[in-house]
Protein backbone atom coordinates (compact mmCIF):
# COMPACT_ATOMS: atom_id res chain seq x y z
CA MET A 1 1.19 12.79 -7.88
CA TYR A 2 0.69 10.50 -4.96
CA ALA A 3 -1.05 7.21 -4.36
CA ALA A 4 -2.39 6.54 -0.87
CA LEU A 5 -2.89 2.91 0.11
CA LEU A 6 -5.07 2.36 3.15
CA ARG A 7 -4.66 -0.78 5.23
CA GLY A 8 -7.67 -3.04 5.75
CA VAL A 9 -10.34 -0.95 4.04
CA ASN A 10 -13.47 -2.77 2.80
CA VAL A 11 -11.88 -6.22 3.02
CA GLY A 12 -13.02 -9.09 5.18
CA GLY A 13 -15.88 -7.07 6.65
CA ARG A 14 -13.49 -4.65 8.33
CA GLY A 15 -12.96 -0.94 7.82
CA LYS A 16 -16.11 -0.26 5.81
CA ILE A 17 -16.09 3.23 4.28
CA SER A 18 -17.54 4.65 1.10
CA MET A 19 -15.14 5.84 -1.55
CA PRO A 20 -16.97 9.19 -2.04
CA GLU A 21 -16.56 9.90 1.70
CA LEU A 22 -12.91 8.93 1.49
CA VAL A 23 -12.35 11.22 -1.51
CA ARG A 24 -14.04 14.05 0.41
CA ALA A 25 -11.69 13.53 3.39
CA PHE A 26 -8.75 14.00 1.02
CA GLU A 27 -10.28 17.12 -0.51
CA LEU A 28 -10.94 18.66 2.91
CA LEU A 29 -7.19 18.54 3.52
CA GLY A 30 -6.63 20.57 0.36
CA HIS A 31 -5.57 17.72 -1.90
CA GLU A 32 -6.64 18.08 -5.52
CA ASP A 33 -7.50 15.86 -8.47
CA VAL A 34 -8.54 13.16 -5.99
CA ARG A 35 -9.74 9.84 -7.38
CA SER A 36 -10.33 6.49 -5.71
CA TYR A 37 -9.52 3.24 -7.45
CA ILE A 38 -11.61 0.16 -6.60
CA GLN A 39 -13.19 -0.21 -3.16
CA SER A 40 -10.13 -1.33 -1.21
CA GLY A 41 -8.65 2.01 -0.19
CA ASN A 42 -6.52 3.20 -3.11
CA VAL A 43 -6.57 6.93 -3.78
CA VAL A 44 -4.54 8.96 -6.26
CA PHE A 45 -4.23 12.70 -5.74
CA ARG A 46 -2.17 15.83 -6.12
CA SER A 47 -0.87 17.66 -3.04
CA LYS A 48 0.95 20.90 -2.38
CA VAL A 49 2.67 19.13 0.53
CA SER A 50 5.95 17.69 -0.70
CA ASN A 51 6.69 15.45 2.30
CA PRO A 52 4.93 12.06 1.92
CA ALA A 53 5.29 11.29 5.65
CA ARG A 54 3.44 14.50 6.54
CA VAL A 55 0.75 13.71 3.97
CA SER A 56 0.33 10.21 5.41
CA ALA A 57 0.08 11.41 9.03
CA ALA A 58 -2.46 14.11 8.14
CA LEU A 59 -4.57 11.62 6.20
CA GLU A 60 -4.56 9.12 9.06
CA ARG A 61 -5.77 11.82 11.49
CA SER A 62 -8.41 13.11 9.07
CA ILE A 63 -9.79 9.65 8.28
CA ALA A 64 -9.99 8.80 11.98
CA GLU A 65 -11.75 12.08 12.82
CA SER A 66 -14.10 12.38 9.84
CA LEU A 67 -14.82 8.71 9.04
CA GLY A 68 -14.22 7.03 12.40
CA LEU A 69 -11.67 4.61 10.98
CA GLU A 70 -8.19 4.22 12.39
CA THR A 71 -5.98 2.84 9.66
CA ARG A 72 -2.47 3.11 8.31
CA VAL A 73 -2.13 5.23 5.18
CA ILE A 74 0.96 4.47 3.15
CA VAL A 75 1.85 7.05 0.52
CA ARG A 76 4.00 6.56 -2.56
CA THR A 77 4.89 8.98 -5.35
CA HIS A 78 4.52 8.19 -9.04
CA PRO A 79 8.31 7.69 -9.46
CA GLU A 80 8.35 5.35 -6.45
CA LEU A 81 5.49 3.30 -7.91
CA GLN A 82 7.31 3.09 -11.25
CA ALA A 83 10.46 1.85 -9.51
CA ILE A 84 8.48 -0.74 -7.55
CA ALA A 85 6.87 -2.03 -10.75
CA ALA A 86 10.24 -2.21 -12.49
CA GLY A 87 11.96 -3.89 -9.53
CA SER A 88 10.07 -7.13 -9.10
CA PRO A 89 12.38 -10.13 -8.79
CA PHE A 90 9.49 -12.44 -9.73
CA ASP A 91 7.69 -13.05 -13.01
CA GLU A 92 4.27 -14.34 -11.97
CA ASP A 93 1.73 -14.41 -9.14
CA VAL A 94 3.25 -11.21 -7.79
CA HIS A 95 1.86 -9.18 -4.90
CA VAL A 96 3.51 -6.22 -3.19
CA VAL A 97 3.43 -5.33 0.48
CA PHE A 98 3.96 -1.59 0.93
CA LEU A 99 5.62 -0.89 4.29
CA ASP A 100 5.46 2.30 6.34
CA SER A 101 9.22 2.16 7.00
CA VAL A 102 12.33 0.18 6.12
CA PRO A 103 12.65 -2.87 8.39
CA SER A 104 15.96 -3.54 10.07
CA PRO A 105 18.24 -6.07 8.37
CA ALA A 106 18.26 -8.08 11.62
CA ARG A 107 14.45 -8.40 11.55
CA VAL A 108 14.49 -9.32 7.84
CA ALA A 109 17.00 -12.09 8.59
CA THR A 110 14.57 -13.68 11.09
CA LEU A 111 11.88 -14.33 8.43
CA ASP A 112 11.63 -18.01 7.51
CA PRO A 113 11.85 -18.40 3.70
CA GLU A 114 10.36 -21.91 4.03
CA ARG A 115 7.25 -20.83 5.97
CA SER A 116 4.96 -21.35 2.96
CA PRO A 117 6.43 -23.95 0.57
CA GLY A 118 6.20 -22.88 -3.06
CA ASP A 119 5.76 -19.21 -2.12
CA ARG A 120 8.66 -16.78 -2.14
CA PHE A 121 9.33 -13.29 -0.85
CA GLU A 122 11.97 -10.62 -1.14
CA VAL A 123 12.26 -7.53 1.04
CA ALA A 124 13.45 -4.52 -0.95
CA GLY A 125 13.57 -1.29 1.07
CA ARG A 126 10.01 -0.34 2.02
CA GLU A 127 8.43 -3.06 -0.10
CA ILE A 128 8.11 -6.82 0.02
CA TYR A 129 7.61 -8.67 -3.23
CA LEU A 130 5.62 -11.88 -2.89
CA SER A 131 5.39 -14.69 -5.42
CA LEU A 132 2.37 -16.71 -4.29
CA ALA A 133 2.25 -19.95 -6.27
CA SER A 134 -0.64 -21.27 -4.15
CA GLY A 135 -2.51 -17.97 -4.29
CA ALA A 136 -3.04 -15.14 -1.85
CA GLY A 137 -5.80 -17.00 -0.01
CA ARG A 138 -3.64 -20.02 0.79
CA THR A 139 -0.23 -18.56 1.56
CA LYS A 140 1.25 -18.54 5.03
CA LEU A 141 3.14 -15.36 4.10
CA THR A 142 0.33 -13.27 5.55
CA LEU A 143 0.46 -9.54 6.16
CA ASP A 144 0.10 -10.08 9.91
CA TRP A 145 3.04 -12.51 9.95
CA LEU A 146 5.22 -10.15 7.93
CA GLU A 147 4.31 -7.14 10.10
CA ARG A 148 5.03 -9.02 13.36
CA GLY A 149 8.29 -10.40 12.03
CA LEU A 150 9.54 -7.09 10.68
CA GLY A 151 8.13 -4.76 13.34
CA VAL A 152 6.56 -2.43 10.75
CA SER A 153 3.08 -1.83 9.34
CA GLY A 154 2.07 -2.48 5.76
CA THR A 155 -0.67 -3.07 3.25
CA GLN A 156 -0.75 -5.56 0.39
CA ARG A 157 -1.83 -5.08 -3.24
CA ASN A 158 -1.83 -7.40 -6.22
CA TRP A 159 0.26 -6.71 -9.31
CA ASN A 160 -2.64 -5.45 -11.41
CA THR A 161 -3.52 -2.86 -8.77
CA LEU A 162 0.09 -1.68 -8.63
CA LEU A 163 0.20 -1.29 -12.42
CA LYS A 164 -3.11 0.61 -12.42
CA LEU A 165 -1.79 2.99 -9.72
CA VAL A 166 1.32 3.61 -11.83
CA GLU A 167 -0.95 4.41 -14.77
CA LEU A 168 -3.31 6.65 -12.79
CA THR A 169 -0.52 8.66 -11.16
CA ALA A 170 1.24 9.05 -14.53
CA ALA A 171 -1.91 10.28 -16.22
CA ARG A 172 -2.34 12.93 -13.53
CA ALA A 173 1.31 13.84 -13.02
CA ASP A 174 1.42 16.47 -15.75
CA GLY A 175 -2.15 17.76 -15.50
């Protein structure tokens, strides 16, 4: 089972698409057991394609062609989501930025840990864990800042969404 996380869908007035249309775009590519979760571009599905990078690229093309929206689609497997949930270095106010690739250690070293006092971050492979004491709306650890600093694309989800995606992909993994 996979979870696809689309960047910038139905947030801040950008990237407006309906979830039924999005589900249909997945089904037209041959993906099965497709289900969206909330309106912000989270889709769980089964695929016969075993390469997540190929799945992601095909979804990006299909969404652009069928829905007129160019967006990054970041794909994670159920085991990857489980590992992300188990790997948080923080206990509260956690968000996760899912990256499309592993940033270079040199780029990671350039990020200022004091940019947003009280907030913390840790880069772990293709994810960034954020502890946002002042809340997601007030932090200076924005997705745009992280993407520019690291030279990669990403999309952010809160902890509850991550846990729900773990649950949804587990429930469908054996079916």
